[in-house]
């Protein structure tokens, strides 16, 4: 009981999804004496559900996050795990199977309403007792409730997208990861091999064109509906591994992962065209302008945002309904690189 309470206190002390994942699998592994515990992401892509690990712990080892930032696929189809697929399809609380080696796997989808985008997987060499399942169930309940609270605090109340504070946190983590992985050559050190272009990451700033006109002509209720529909188009136009945020007002930001420049352009252009082709109730046609830039660990977040904002301003001042890349504008002589002050505010 003392161990269970200790883990509960540890889990509810975090304000971060990553550390919450680490805490829950550590608790389940110790209390269930499991060989392996994983947190799985259940991602829906084009109507199909895929399974991808995001955290794991092996008996006798420390829990760790699974790096999926450079994967070009959403994971394994859930049909690879028939028992789990049936469990999710039937909205059940758990599923258990044993393989030929009598190794037992227990899946526990984390239901938030009628949706489960996270699942715990527990692998044990022996069958699970009622007491063990009861303890795991208690941990899962606390995990689910606290995950829901964290998710609520990270979301914009109007659109349901991730909010500005969450963006700041995620960009900082992304830059820290880039610092660890980038081949940065210091004076006196031999030159290192650079990552391939496929490993670059991108930041795009999106602004709804003439949004003040929408509010002035149709009212704020229709303006809010436009923002909600834009948020839906952002979610459907970008990929499962990308992150979409609302900064406030009519401004949005997207973090694209594992994309080349050509792919980044293609993905952002697809979103711009989807917006331009959409019929907004009462309002009619709405367009967006986008400025984007590659993310470098050698630059401060405010500079990265400033460069994307400069590209966005260029798009807004050259006809709108455009996607502009900062580095291309600078190299083409269309935009002058301006040194940014670390204390500047761009939004």
C-alpha atoms as a PDB file:
ATOM      1  CA  UNK A   1       0.000   0.000   0.000  1.00  0.00           C
ATOM      2  CA  UNK A   2       2.824   2.427   0.868  1.00  0.00           C
ATOM      3  CA  UNK A   3       4.456   1.791  -2.499  1.00  0.00           C
ATOM      4  CA  UNK A   4       1.168   2.382  -4.312  1.00  0.00           C
ATOM      5  CA  UNK A   5       0.595   5.666  -2.468  1.00  0.00           C
ATOM      6  CA  UNK A   6       4.144   6.779  -3.238  1.00  0.00           C
ATOM      7  CA  UNK A   7       3.600   6.182  -6.948  1.00  0.00           C
ATOM      8  CA  UNK A   8       0.253   7.992  -6.844  1.00  0.00           C
ATOM      9  CA  UNK A   9       1.890  11.036  -5.244  1.00  0.00           C
ATOM     10  CA  UNK A  10       4.661  10.920  -7.848  1.00  0.00           C
ATOM     11  CA  UNK A  11       2.215  10.712 -10.762  1.00  0.00           C
ATOM     12  CA  UNK A  12       0.040  13.603  -9.618  1.00  0.00           C
ATOM     13  CA  UNK A  13       3.088  15.793  -8.943  1.00  0.00           C
ATOM     14  CA  UNK A  14       3.881  16.214 -12.642  1.00  0.00           C
ATOM     15  CA  UNK A  15       2.638  18.949 -14.959  1.00  0.00           C
ATOM     16  CA  UNK A  16       3.960  17.340 -18.108  1.00  0.00           C
ATOM     17  CA  UNK A  17       2.635  14.476 -20.237  1.00  0.00           C
ATOM     18  CA  UNK A  18       6.116  13.011 -20.744  1.00  0.00           C
ATOM     19  CA  UNK A  19       6.887  12.721 -17.041  1.00  0.00           C
ATOM     20  CA  UNK A  20       3.369  11.419 -16.391  1.00  0.00           C
ATOM     21  CA  UNK A  21       4.007   8.606 -18.893  1.00  0.00           C
ATOM     22  CA  UNK A  22       7.313   7.785 -17.208  1.00  0.00           C
ATOM     23  CA  UNK A  23       5.649   7.714 -13.776  1.00  0.00           C
ATOM     24  CA  UNK A  24       2.754   5.462 -14.747  1.00  0.00           C
ATOM     25  CA  UNK A  25       4.872   2.790 -16.448  1.00  0.00           C
ATOM     26  CA  UNK A  26       7.355   2.840 -13.547  1.00  0.00           C
ATOM     27  CA  UNK A  27       4.496   2.317 -11.099  1.00  0.00           C
ATOM     28  CA  UNK A  28       2.852  -0.468 -13.100  1.00  0.00           C
ATOM     29  CA  UNK A  29       6.155  -2.283 -13.715  1.00  0.00           C
ATOM     30  CA  UNK A  30       7.101  -2.295 -10.032  1.00  0.00           C
ATOM     31  CA  UNK A  31       3.707  -3.169  -8.610  1.00  0.00           C
ATOM     32  CA  UNK A  32       2.874  -5.817 -11.239  1.00  0.00           C
ATOM     33  CA  UNK A  33       6.472  -7.121 -11.425  1.00  0.00           C
ATOM     34  CA  UNK A  34       6.111  -7.017 -15.201  1.00  0.00           C
ATOM     35  CA  UNK A  35       8.812  -7.817 -17.745  1.00  0.00           C
ATOM     36  CA  UNK A  36       7.796  -4.900 -19.950  1.00  0.00           C
ATOM     37  CA  UNK A  37       5.382  -1.964 -19.704  1.00  0.00           C
ATOM     38  CA  UNK A  38       4.771   0.482 -22.545  1.00  0.00           C
ATOM     39  CA  UNK A  39       2.654   3.542 -23.240  1.00  0.00           C
ATOM     40  CA  UNK A  40       1.282   3.237 -26.762  1.00  0.00           C
ATOM     41  CA  UNK A  41      -0.118   6.014 -28.933  1.00  0.00           C
ATOM     42  CA  UNK A  42      -3.199   5.037 -30.957  1.00  0.00           C
ATOM     43  CA  UNK A  43      -3.165   7.344 -33.981  1.00  0.00           C
ATOM     44  CA  UNK A  44      -5.890   7.487 -36.618  1.00  0.00           C
ATOM     45  CA  UNK A  45      -4.595   8.211 -40.132  1.00  0.00           C
ATOM     46  CA  UNK A  46      -6.994   8.222 -43.089  1.00  0.00           C
ATOM     47  CA  UNK A  47      -9.554   6.320 -41.075  1.00  0.00           C
ATOM     48  CA  UNK A  48      -7.138   3.566 -39.973  1.00  0.00           C
ATOM     49  CA  UNK A  49      -5.745   3.154 -36.450  1.00  0.00           C
ATOM     50  CA  UNK A  50      -2.001   2.685 -35.916  1.00  0.00           C
ATOM     51  CA  UNK A  51      -0.061   1.728 -32.777  1.00  0.00           C
ATOM     52  CA  UNK A  52       3.209   3.467 -31.898  1.00  0.00           C
ATOM     53  CA  UNK A  53       5.193   3.164 -28.609  1.00  0.00           C
ATOM     54  CA  UNK A  54       6.099   6.418 -26.879  1.00  0.00           C
ATOM     55  CA  UNK A  55       7.472   5.248 -23.494  1.00  0.00           C
ATOM     56  CA  UNK A  56       8.685   1.918 -22.120  1.00  0.00           C
ATOM     57  CA  UNK A  57      10.339   0.235 -19.143  1.00  0.00           C
ATOM     58  CA  UNK A  58      12.004  -3.175 -18.933  1.00  0.00           C
ATOM     59  CA  UNK A  59      12.394  -5.033 -15.632  1.00  0.00           C
ATOM     60  CA  UNK A  60      15.591  -3.894 -13.944  1.00  0.00           C
ATOM     61  CA  UNK A  61      16.020  -0.850 -16.190  1.00  0.00           C
ATOM     62  CA  UNK A  62      15.001   2.797 -16.060  1.00  0.00           C
ATOM     63  CA  UNK A  63      11.903   4.025 -17.866  1.00  0.00           C
ATOM     64  CA  UNK A  64      12.568   5.935 -21.065  1.00  0.00           C
ATOM     65  CA  UNK A  65      10.762   7.784 -23.817  1.00  0.00           C
ATOM     66  CA  UNK A  66      10.803   6.135 -27.250  1.00  0.00           C
ATOM     67  CA  UNK A  67      12.114   8.521 -29.895  1.00  0.00           C
ATOM     68  CA  UNK A  68       9.604   8.641 -32.766  1.00  0.00           C
ATOM     69  CA  UNK A  69      10.487  12.097 -34.081  1.00  0.00           C
ATOM     70  CA  UNK A  70      12.168  10.771 -37.213  1.00  0.00           C
ATOM     71  CA  UNK A  71       9.695   8.059 -38.121  1.00  0.00           C
ATOM     72  CA  UNK A  72       8.027   8.550 -41.506  1.00  0.00           C
ATOM     73  CA  UNK A  73       5.150   6.223 -40.700  1.00  0.00           C
ATOM     74  CA  UNK A  74       2.521   6.340 -37.937  1.00  0.00           C
ATOM     75  CA  UNK A  75       3.396   2.899 -36.513  1.00  0.00           C
ATOM     76  CA  UNK A  76       2.020  -0.610 -36.894  1.00  0.00           C
ATOM     77  CA  UNK A  77      -1.619  -1.119 -37.949  1.00  0.00           C
ATOM     78  CA  UNK A  78      -3.757  -1.996 -34.934  1.00  0.00           C
ATOM     79  CA  UNK A  79      -4.900  -5.068 -36.893  1.00  0.00           C
ATOM     80  CA  UNK A  80      -1.438  -6.493 -36.074  1.00  0.00           C
ATOM     81  CA  UNK A  81      -2.853  -6.932 -32.558  1.00  0.00           C
ATOM     82  CA  UNK A  82      -6.328  -8.478 -33.103  1.00  0.00           C
ATOM     83  CA  UNK A  83      -7.250  -8.603 -29.405  1.00  0.00           C
ATOM     84  CA  UNK A  84      -6.378  -4.928 -28.929  1.00  0.00           C
ATOM     85  CA  UNK A  85      -8.200  -3.983 -32.134  1.00  0.00           C
ATOM     86  CA  UNK A  86     -11.351  -5.750 -30.937  1.00  0.00           C
ATOM     87  CA  UNK A  87     -11.021  -4.176 -27.495  1.00  0.00           C
ATOM     88  CA  UNK A  88     -10.848  -0.654 -28.963  1.00  0.00           C
ATOM     89  CA  UNK A  89     -13.593  -1.307 -31.518  1.00  0.00           C
ATOM     90  CA  UNK A  90     -15.936  -2.531 -28.752  1.00  0.00           C
ATOM     91  CA  UNK A  91     -14.931   0.270 -26.330  1.00  0.00           C
ATOM     92  CA  UNK A  92     -13.810  -2.307 -23.757  1.00  0.00           C
ATOM     93  CA  UNK A  93     -11.625  -1.522 -20.736  1.00  0.00           C
ATOM     94  CA  UNK A  94      -9.008  -4.241 -21.276  1.00  0.00           C
ATOM     95  CA  UNK A  95      -7.828  -7.178 -23.376  1.00  0.00           C
ATOM     96  CA  UNK A  96      -5.461 -10.024 -22.489  1.00  0.00           C
ATOM     97  CA  UNK A  97      -3.695 -12.611 -24.646  1.00  0.00           C
ATOM     98  CA  UNK A  98      -1.046 -15.279 -24.105  1.00  0.00           C
ATOM     99  CA  UNK A  99       1.433 -16.346 -26.777  1.00  0.00           C
ATOM    100  CA  UNK A 100       2.905 -19.791 -27.432  1.00  0.00           C
ATOM    101  CA  UNK A 101       5.607 -19.185 -24.823  1.00  0.00           C
ATOM    102  CA  UNK A 102       2.849 -18.486 -22.266  1.00  0.00           C
ATOM    103  CA  UNK A 103       3.858 -14.835 -22.089  1.00  0.00           C
ATOM    104  CA  UNK A 104       0.839 -12.758 -21.075  1.00  0.00           C
ATOM    105  CA  UNK A 105       0.081  -9.332 -22.552  1.00  0.00           C
ATOM    106  CA  UNK A 106      -2.516  -7.023 -21.023  1.00  0.00           C
ATOM    107  CA  UNK A 107      -3.776  -3.955 -22.910  1.00  0.00           C
ATOM    108  CA  UNK A 108      -5.606  -1.129 -21.143  1.00  0.00           C
ATOM    109  CA  UNK A 109      -6.920   1.628 -23.441  1.00  0.00           C
ATOM    110  CA  UNK A 110      -7.172   5.044 -21.760  1.00  0.00           C
ATOM    111  CA  UNK A 111     -10.685   6.189 -22.588  1.00  0.00           C
ATOM    112  CA  UNK A 112     -11.432   9.921 -22.555  1.00  0.00           C
ATOM    113  CA  UNK A 113     -15.124   9.950 -23.366  1.00  0.00           C
ATOM    114  CA  UNK A 114     -15.586   7.712 -26.414  1.00  0.00           C
ATOM    115  CA  UNK A 115     -12.018   8.173 -27.672  1.00  0.00           C
ATOM    116  CA  UNK A 116      -8.806   6.341 -26.779  1.00  0.00           C
ATOM    117  CA  UNK A 117      -5.567   7.684 -28.233  1.00  0.00           C
ATOM    118  CA  UNK A 118      -3.371   6.141 -25.512  1.00  0.00           C
ATOM    119  CA  UNK A 119      -3.034   2.550 -24.304  1.00  0.00           C
ATOM    120  CA  UNK A 120      -0.966   0.837 -21.608  1.00  0.00           C
ATOM    121  CA  UNK A 121       0.646  -2.491 -22.513  1.00  0.00           C
ATOM    122  CA  UNK A 122       1.824  -4.812 -19.714  1.00  0.00           C
ATOM    123  CA  UNK A 123       3.809  -7.963 -20.532  1.00  0.00           C
ATOM    124  CA  UNK A 124       4.186 -10.596 -17.802  1.00  0.00           C
ATOM    125  CA  UNK A 125       5.635 -14.137 -17.727  1.00  0.00           C
ATOM    126  CA  UNK A 126       2.695 -15.367 -15.595  1.00  0.00           C
ATOM    127  CA  UNK A 127      -1.074 -14.831 -15.655  1.00  0.00           C
ATOM    128  CA  UNK A 128      -2.376 -11.702 -13.947  1.00  0.00           C
ATOM    129  CA  UNK A 129      -4.070 -12.209 -10.575  1.00  0.00           C
ATOM    130  CA  UNK A 130      -7.254 -10.354  -9.632  1.00  0.00           C
ATOM    131  CA  UNK A 131      -5.248  -8.342  -7.102  1.00  0.00           C
ATOM    132  CA  UNK A 132      -2.706  -7.292  -9.723  1.00  0.00           C
ATOM    133  CA  UNK A 133      -5.411  -6.256 -12.188  1.00  0.00           C
ATOM    134  CA  UNK A 134      -7.162  -4.323  -9.403  1.00  0.00           C
ATOM    135  CA  UNK A 135      -3.959  -2.391  -8.583  1.00  0.00           C
ATOM    136  CA  UNK A 136      -3.187  -1.705 -12.247  1.00  0.00           C
ATOM    137  CA  UNK A 137      -6.778  -0.548 -12.735  1.00  0.00           C
ATOM    138  CA  UNK A 138      -6.441   1.935  -9.877  1.00  0.00           C
ATOM    139  CA  UNK A 139      -3.241   3.355 -11.372  1.00  0.00           C
ATOM    140  CA  UNK A 140      -4.845   3.597 -14.810  1.00  0.00           C
ATOM    141  CA  UNK A 141      -7.824   5.489 -13.351  1.00  0.00           C
ATOM    142  CA  UNK A 142      -5.552   8.080 -11.726  1.00  0.00           C
ATOM    143  CA  UNK A 143      -3.454   8.286 -14.901  1.00  0.00           C
ATOM    144  CA  UNK A 144      -6.547   8.821 -17.057  1.00  0.00           C
ATOM    145  CA  UNK A 145      -7.989  11.546 -14.818  1.00  0.00           C
ATOM    146  CA  UNK A 146      -4.694  13.391 -14.512  1.00  0.00           C
ATOM    147  CA  UNK A 147      -3.971  13.071 -18.231  1.00  0.00           C
ATOM    148  CA  UNK A 148      -7.370  14.638 -18.855  1.00  0.00           C
ATOM    149  CA  UNK A 149      -6.547  17.529 -16.519  1.00  0.00           C
ATOM    150  CA  UNK A 150      -3.186  18.121 -18.196  1.00  0.00           C
ATOM    151  CA  UNK A 151      -4.781  17.948 -21.624  1.00  0.00           C
ATOM    152  CA  UNK A 152      -7.400  20.520 -20.590  1.00  0.00           C
ATOM    153  CA  UNK A 153      -4.717  22.919 -19.315  1.00  0.00           C
ATOM    154  CA  UNK A 154      -2.794  22.633 -22.594  1.00  0.00           C
ATOM    155  CA  UNK A 155      -5.737  23.352 -24.889  1.00  0.00           C
ATOM    156  CA  UNK A 156      -7.240  26.526 -26.287  1.00  0.00           C
ATOM    157  CA  UNK A 157     -10.819  26.733 -25.027  1.00  0.00           C
ATOM    158  CA  UNK A 158     -12.351  27.836 -28.356  1.00  0.00           C
ATOM    159  CA  UNK A 159     -10.641  25.626 -30.937  1.00  0.00           C
ATOM    160  CA  UNK A 160      -9.371  22.706 -28.847  1.00  0.00           C
ATOM    161  CA  UNK A 161      -5.896  23.167 -30.336  1.00  0.00           C
ATOM    162  CA  UNK A 162      -2.780  23.277 -28.168  1.00  0.00           C
ATOM    163  CA  UNK A 163      -2.250  26.712 -26.598  1.00  0.00           C
ATOM    164  CA  UNK A 164       0.622  29.224 -26.562  1.00  0.00           C
ATOM    165  CA  UNK A 165       2.093  28.041 -23.256  1.00  0.00           C
ATOM    166  CA  UNK A 166       2.241  24.481 -24.550  1.00  0.00           C
ATOM    167  CA  UNK A 167       3.952  25.739 -27.706  1.00  0.00           C
ATOM    168  CA  UNK A 168       6.655  27.468 -25.671  1.00  0.00           C
ATOM    169  CA  UNK A 169       7.301  24.257 -23.721  1.00  0.00           C
ATOM    170  CA  UNK A 170       7.360  22.006 -26.798  1.00  0.00           C
ATOM    171  CA  UNK A 171       9.593  24.308 -28.835  1.00  0.00           C
ATOM    172  CA  UNK A 172      12.070  24.470 -25.944  1.00  0.00           C
ATOM    173  CA  UNK A 173      12.118  20.654 -25.740  1.00  0.00           C
ATOM    174  CA  UNK A 174      12.507  20.378 -29.514  1.00  0.00           C
ATOM    175  CA  UNK A 175      15.463  22.778 -29.481  1.00  0.00           C
ATOM    176  CA  UNK A 176      17.039  20.877 -26.579  1.00  0.00           C
ATOM    177  CA  UNK A 177      16.678  17.636 -28.535  1.00  0.00           C
ATOM    178  CA  UNK A 178      18.205  19.297 -31.598  1.00  0.00           C
ATOM    179  CA  UNK A 179      21.137  20.474 -29.474  1.00  0.00           C
ATOM    180  CA  UNK A 180      21.774  16.881 -28.386  1.00  0.00           C
ATOM    181  CA  UNK A 181      21.489  15.493 -31.903  1.00  0.00           C
ATOM    182  CA  UNK A 182      22.801  18.263 -34.180  1.00  0.00           C
ATOM    183  CA  UNK A 183      26.345  18.017 -35.478  1.00  0.00           C
ATOM    184  CA  UNK A 184      27.582  21.315 -34.052  1.00  0.00           C
ATOM    185  CA  UNK A 185      31.282  21.854 -34.720  1.00  0.00           C
ATOM    186  CA  UNK A 186      33.106  23.882 -32.088  1.00  0.00           C
ATOM    187  CA  UNK A 187      36.438  25.673 -32.692  1.00  0.00           C
ATOM    188  CA  UNK A 188      39.275  23.161 -32.686  1.00  0.00           C
ATOM    189  CA  UNK A 189      36.995  20.177 -33.268  1.00  0.00           C
ATOM    190  CA  UNK A 190      37.034  18.120 -36.484  1.00  0.00           C
ATOM    191  CA  UNK A 191      34.065  18.734 -38.765  1.00  0.00           C
ATOM    192  CA  UNK A 192      31.198  16.329 -38.134  1.00  0.00           C
ATOM    193  CA  UNK A 193      28.741  14.867 -40.578  1.00  0.00           C
ATOM    194  CA  UNK A 194      25.516  16.844 -40.768  1.00  0.00           C
ATOM    195  CA  UNK A 195      22.113  15.282 -40.499  1.00  0.00           C
ATOM    196  CA  UNK A 196      20.334  14.689 -43.761  1.00  0.00           C
ATOM    197  CA  UNK A 197      17.821  17.244 -44.946  1.00  0.00           C
ATOM    198  CA  UNK A 198      15.071  14.751 -44.094  1.00  0.00           C
ATOM    199  CA  UNK A 199      15.752  15.287 -40.420  1.00  0.00           C
ATOM    200  CA  UNK A 200      15.050  19.040 -40.455  1.00  0.00           C
ATOM    201  CA  UNK A 201      12.117  20.447 -38.559  1.00  0.00           C
ATOM    202  CA  UNK A 202      10.041  23.481 -39.429  1.00  0.00           C
ATOM    203  CA  UNK A 203       7.938  26.180 -37.817  1.00  0.00           C
ATOM    204  CA  UNK A 204       5.045  27.800 -39.688  1.00  0.00           C
ATOM    205  CA  UNK A 205       3.054  30.857 -38.582  1.00  0.00           C
ATOM    206  CA  UNK A 206      -0.496  31.032 -39.991  1.00  0.00           C
ATOM    207  CA  UNK A 207      -2.650  34.180 -40.053  1.00  0.00           C
ATOM    208  CA  UNK A 208      -6.258  34.433 -41.282  1.00  0.00           C
ATOM    209  CA  UNK A 209      -6.481  37.114 -43.983  1.00  0.00           C
ATOM    210  CA  UNK A 210      -8.806  40.085 -43.375  1.00  0.00           C
ATOM    211  CA  UNK A 211     -10.143  38.526 -40.178  1.00  0.00           C
ATOM    212  CA  UNK A 212     -11.091  41.918 -38.716  1.00  0.00           C
ATOM    213  CA  UNK A 213     -13.337  42.380 -41.732  1.00  0.00           C
ATOM    214  CA  UNK A 214     -15.068  39.061 -40.915  1.00  0.00           C
ATOM    215  CA  UNK A 215     -15.755  40.177 -37.325  1.00  0.00           C
ATOM    216  CA  UNK A 216     -16.863  43.673 -38.355  1.00  0.00           C
ATOM    217  CA  UNK A 217     -19.193  42.483 -41.116  1.00  0.00           C
ATOM    218  CA  UNK A 218     -20.634  39.252 -39.698  1.00  0.00           C
ATOM    219  CA  UNK A 219     -20.066  39.532 -35.940  1.00  0.00           C
ATOM    220  CA  UNK A 220     -17.867  37.703 -33.466  1.00  0.00           C
ATOM    221  CA  UNK A 221     -19.973  34.534 -33.386  1.00  0.00           C
ATOM    222  CA  UNK A 222     -19.290  33.935 -37.075  1.00  0.00           C
ATOM    223  CA  UNK A 223     -15.685  34.991 -36.514  1.00  0.00           C
ATOM    224  CA  UNK A 224     -15.359  32.323 -33.828  1.00  0.00           C
ATOM    225  CA  UNK A 225     -16.900  29.767 -36.172  1.00  0.00           C
ATOM    226  CA  UNK A 226     -14.305  30.653 -38.819  1.00  0.00           C
ATOM    227  CA  UNK A 227     -11.517  30.068 -36.279  1.00  0.00           C
ATOM    228  CA  UNK A 228     -12.999  26.708 -35.254  1.00  0.00           C
ATOM    229  CA  UNK A 229     -13.261  25.605 -38.900  1.00  0.00           C
ATOM    230  CA  UNK A 230      -9.703  26.804 -39.607  1.00  0.00           C
ATOM    231  CA  UNK A 231      -8.562  24.738 -36.601  1.00  0.00           C
ATOM    232  CA  UNK A 232     -10.358  21.689 -38.036  1.00  0.00           C
ATOM    233  CA  UNK A 233      -8.673  22.226 -41.410  1.00  0.00           C
ATOM    234  CA  UNK A 234      -5.287  22.541 -39.710  1.00  0.00           C
ATOM    235  CA  UNK A 235      -5.853  19.257 -37.896  1.00  0.00           C
ATOM    236  CA  UNK A 236      -6.980  17.411 -41.032  1.00  0.00           C
ATOM    237  CA  UNK A 237      -4.358  18.918 -43.361  1.00  0.00           C
ATOM    238  CA  UNK A 238      -1.284  18.185 -41.249  1.00  0.00           C
ATOM    239  CA  UNK A 239       0.066  14.793 -40.190  1.00  0.00           C
ATOM    240  CA  UNK A 240      -0.242  12.916 -36.921  1.00  0.00           C
ATOM    241  CA  UNK A 241       3.361  13.737 -35.931  1.00  0.00           C
ATOM    242  CA  UNK A 242       2.928  17.500 -36.512  1.00  0.00           C
ATOM    243  CA  UNK A 243       1.782  19.837 -33.718  1.00  0.00           C
ATOM    244  CA  UNK A 244      -0.769  22.622 -34.218  1.00  0.00           C
ATOM    245  CA  UNK A 245      -1.217  25.539 -31.797  1.00  0.00           C
ATOM    246  CA  UNK A 246      -3.453  28.577 -31.477  1.00  0.00           C
ATOM    247  CA  UNK A 247      -1.534  31.651 -30.391  1.00  0.00           C
ATOM    248  CA  UNK A 248      -4.622  33.777 -29.843  1.00  0.00           C
ATOM    249  CA  UNK A 249      -6.731  35.907 -32.131  1.00  0.00           C
ATOM    250  CA  UNK A 250      -6.462  34.679 -35.708  1.00  0.00           C
ATOM    251  CA  UNK A 251      -2.866  33.416 -35.389  1.00  0.00           C
ATOM    252  CA  UNK A 252      -1.819  29.764 -35.390  1.00  0.00           C
ATOM    253  CA  UNK A 253       1.551  28.004 -35.355  1.00  0.00           C
ATOM    254  CA  UNK A 254       2.513  24.562 -36.682  1.00  0.00           C
ATOM    255  CA  UNK A 255       5.614  22.522 -35.802  1.00  0.00           C
ATOM    256  CA  UNK A 256       6.403  20.125 -38.664  1.00  0.00           C
ATOM    257  CA  UNK A 257       8.691  17.204 -37.951  1.00  0.00           C
ATOM    258  CA  UNK A 258      10.830  15.072 -40.262  1.00  0.00           C
ATOM    259  CA  UNK A 259      10.124  17.013 -43.438  1.00  0.00           C
ATOM    260  CA  UNK A 260      12.405  18.188 -46.272  1.00  0.00           C
ATOM    261  CA  UNK A 261      11.892  21.713 -47.605  1.00  0.00           C
ATOM    262  CA  UNK A 262       9.924  20.375 -50.580  1.00  0.00           C
ATOM    263  CA  UNK A 263       7.743  18.232 -48.322  1.00  0.00           C
ATOM    264  CA  UNK A 264       7.208  21.094 -45.875  1.00  0.00           C
ATOM    265  CA  UNK A 265       6.112  23.366 -48.727  1.00  0.00           C
ATOM    266  CA  UNK A 266       3.811  20.687 -50.102  1.00  0.00           C
ATOM    267  CA  UNK A 267       2.161  20.062 -46.724  1.00  0.00           C
ATOM    268  CA  UNK A 268       1.682  23.761 -45.943  1.00  0.00           C
ATOM    269  CA  UNK A 269       0.433  24.527 -49.457  1.00  0.00           C
ATOM    270  CA  UNK A 270      -2.092  21.703 -49.150  1.00  0.00           C
ATOM    271  CA  UNK A 271      -3.460  23.361 -46.017  1.00  0.00           C
ATOM    272  CA  UNK A 272      -3.591  26.804 -47.684  1.00  0.00           C
ATOM    273  CA  UNK A 273      -5.494  25.375 -50.670  1.00  0.00           C
ATOM    274  CA  UNK A 274      -7.867  23.457 -48.390  1.00  0.00           C
ATOM    275  CA  UNK A 275      -8.787  26.715 -46.650  1.00  0.00           C
ATOM    276  CA  UNK A 276      -9.194  28.612 -49.935  1.00  0.00           C
ATOM    277  CA  UNK A 277     -11.487  25.878 -51.306  1.00  0.00           C
ATOM    278  CA  UNK A 278     -13.648  25.671 -48.182  1.00  0.00           C
ATOM    279  CA  UNK A 279     -17.065  27.353 -48.002  1.00  0.00           C
ATOM    280  CA  UNK A 280     -17.488  29.016 -44.625  1.00  0.00           C
ATOM    281  CA  UNK A 281     -21.145  29.339 -43.538  1.00  0.00           C
ATOM    282  CA  UNK A 282     -22.493  32.884 -44.063  1.00  0.00           C
ATOM    283  CA  UNK A 283     -18.963  34.255 -44.532  1.00  0.00           C
ATOM    284  CA  UNK A 284     -18.158  32.495 -47.821  1.00  0.00           C
ATOM    285  CA  UNK A 285     -14.490  32.337 -48.812  1.00  0.00           C
ATOM    286  CA  UNK A 286     -11.608  32.842 -46.385  1.00  0.00           C
ATOM    287  CA  UNK A 287      -7.875  32.636 -47.064  1.00  0.00           C
ATOM    288  CA  UNK A 288      -4.734  32.362 -44.934  1.00  0.00           C
ATOM    289  CA  UNK A 289      -1.154  33.597 -45.260  1.00  0.00           C
ATOM    290  CA  UNK A 290       1.758  31.511 -43.965  1.00  0.00           C
ATOM    291  CA  UNK A 291       5.407  32.217 -43.200  1.00  0.00           C
ATOM    292  CA  UNK A 292       7.686  29.319 -42.315  1.00  0.00           C
ATOM    293  CA  UNK A 293      11.319  28.663 -41.401  1.00  0.00           C
ATOM    294  CA  UNK A 294      13.595  25.741 -40.535  1.00  0.00           C
ATOM    295  CA  UNK A 295      14.293  25.213 -36.830  1.00  0.00           C
ATOM    296  CA  UNK A 296      17.901  25.448 -35.691  1.00  0.00           C
ATOM    297  CA  UNK A 297      19.253  24.643 -32.238  1.00  0.00           C
ATOM    298  CA  UNK A 298      21.741  27.491 -32.685  1.00  0.00           C
ATOM    299  CA  UNK A 299      18.982  30.135 -32.661  1.00  0.00           C
ATOM    300  CA  UNK A 300      16.828  31.352 -29.795  1.00  0.00           C
ATOM    301  CA  UNK A 301      13.067  30.684 -29.986  1.00  0.00           C
ATOM    302  CA  UNK A 302      12.328  34.417 -30.351  1.00  0.00           C
ATOM    303  CA  UNK A 303      14.624  34.594 -33.410  1.00  0.00           C
ATOM    304  CA  UNK A 304      13.027  31.546 -35.029  1.00  0.00           C
ATOM    305  CA  UNK A 305       9.583  33.034 -34.455  1.00  0.00           C
ATOM    306  CA  UNK A 306      10.806  36.404 -35.722  1.00  0.00           C
ATOM    307  CA  UNK A 307      12.039  34.915 -38.998  1.00  0.00           C
ATOM    308  CA  UNK A 308       8.751  33.077 -39.569  1.00  0.00           C
ATOM    309  CA  UNK A 309       6.911  36.297 -38.730  1.00  0.00           C
ATOM    310  CA  UNK A 310       8.974  38.236 -41.281  1.00  0.00           C
ATOM    311  CA  UNK A 311       8.066  35.686 -43.961  1.00  0.00           C
ATOM    312  CA  UNK A 312       4.403  35.940 -42.904  1.00  0.00           C
ATOM    313  CA  UNK A 313       4.523  39.758 -43.131  1.00  0.00           C
ATOM    314  CA  UNK A 314       5.955  39.453 -46.644  1.00  0.00           C
ATOM    315  CA  UNK A 315       3.070  37.167 -47.643  1.00  0.00           C
ATOM    316  CA  UNK A 316       0.514  39.572 -46.127  1.00  0.00           C
ATOM    317  CA  UNK A 317       2.014  42.563 -47.939  1.00  0.00           C
ATOM    318  CA  UNK A 318       2.311  40.823 -51.327  1.00  0.00           C
ATOM    319  CA  UNK A 319      -1.242  39.766 -52.016  1.00  0.00           C
ATOM    320  CA  UNK A 320      -2.065  37.391 -49.118  1.00  0.00           C
ATOM    321  CA  UNK A 321      -3.191  33.775 -49.601  1.00  0.00           C
ATOM    322  CA  UNK A 322       0.502  32.888 -49.944  1.00  0.00           C
ATOM    323  CA  UNK A 323       3.051  30.529 -48.358  1.00  0.00           C
ATOM    324  CA  UNK A 324       6.519  32.080 -47.973  1.00  0.00           C
ATOM    325  CA  UNK A 325       9.775  30.484 -46.794  1.00  0.00           C
ATOM    326  CA  UNK A 326      12.075  32.861 -44.891  1.00  0.00           C
ATOM    327  CA  UNK A 327      15.416  31.544 -46.206  1.00  0.00           C
ATOM    328  CA  UNK A 328      14.220  31.587 -49.816  1.00  0.00           C
ATOM    329  CA  UNK A 329      13.053  35.181 -49.436  1.00  0.00           C
ATOM    330  CA  UNK A 330      16.427  36.205 -47.996  1.00  0.00           C
ATOM    331  CA  UNK A 331      18.509  34.314 -50.590  1.00  0.00           C
ATOM    332  CA  UNK A 332      16.333  35.729 -53.367  1.00  0.00           C
ATOM    333  CA  UNK A 333      16.891  39.291 -52.197  1.00  0.00           C
ATOM    334  CA  UNK A 334      13.186  39.778 -51.455  1.00  0.00           C
ATOM    335  CA  UNK A 335      13.694  40.079 -47.724  1.00  0.00           C
ATOM    336  CA  UNK A 336      16.546  41.485 -45.696  1.00  0.00           C
ATOM    337  CA  UNK A 337      17.699  39.465 -42.722  1.00  0.00           C
ATOM    338  CA  UNK A 338      17.089  41.493 -39.574  1.00  0.00           C
ATOM    339  CA  UNK A 339      18.835  40.682 -36.328  1.00  0.00           C
ATOM    340  CA  UNK A 340      16.254  39.997 -33.630  1.00  0.00           C
ATOM    341  CA  UNK A 341      16.438  41.125 -30.026  1.00  0.00           C
ATOM    342  CA  UNK A 342      16.063  38.209 -27.615  1.00  0.00           C
ATOM    343  CA  UNK A 343      13.568  40.263 -25.623  1.00  0.00           C
ATOM    344  CA  UNK A 344      11.403  41.151 -28.611  1.00  0.00           C
ATOM    345  CA  UNK A 345       7.747  40.165 -28.743  1.00  0.00           C
ATOM    346  CA  UNK A 346       6.409  39.075 -32.086  1.00  0.00           C
ATOM    347  CA  UNK A 347       2.913  38.090 -30.994  1.00  0.00           C
END
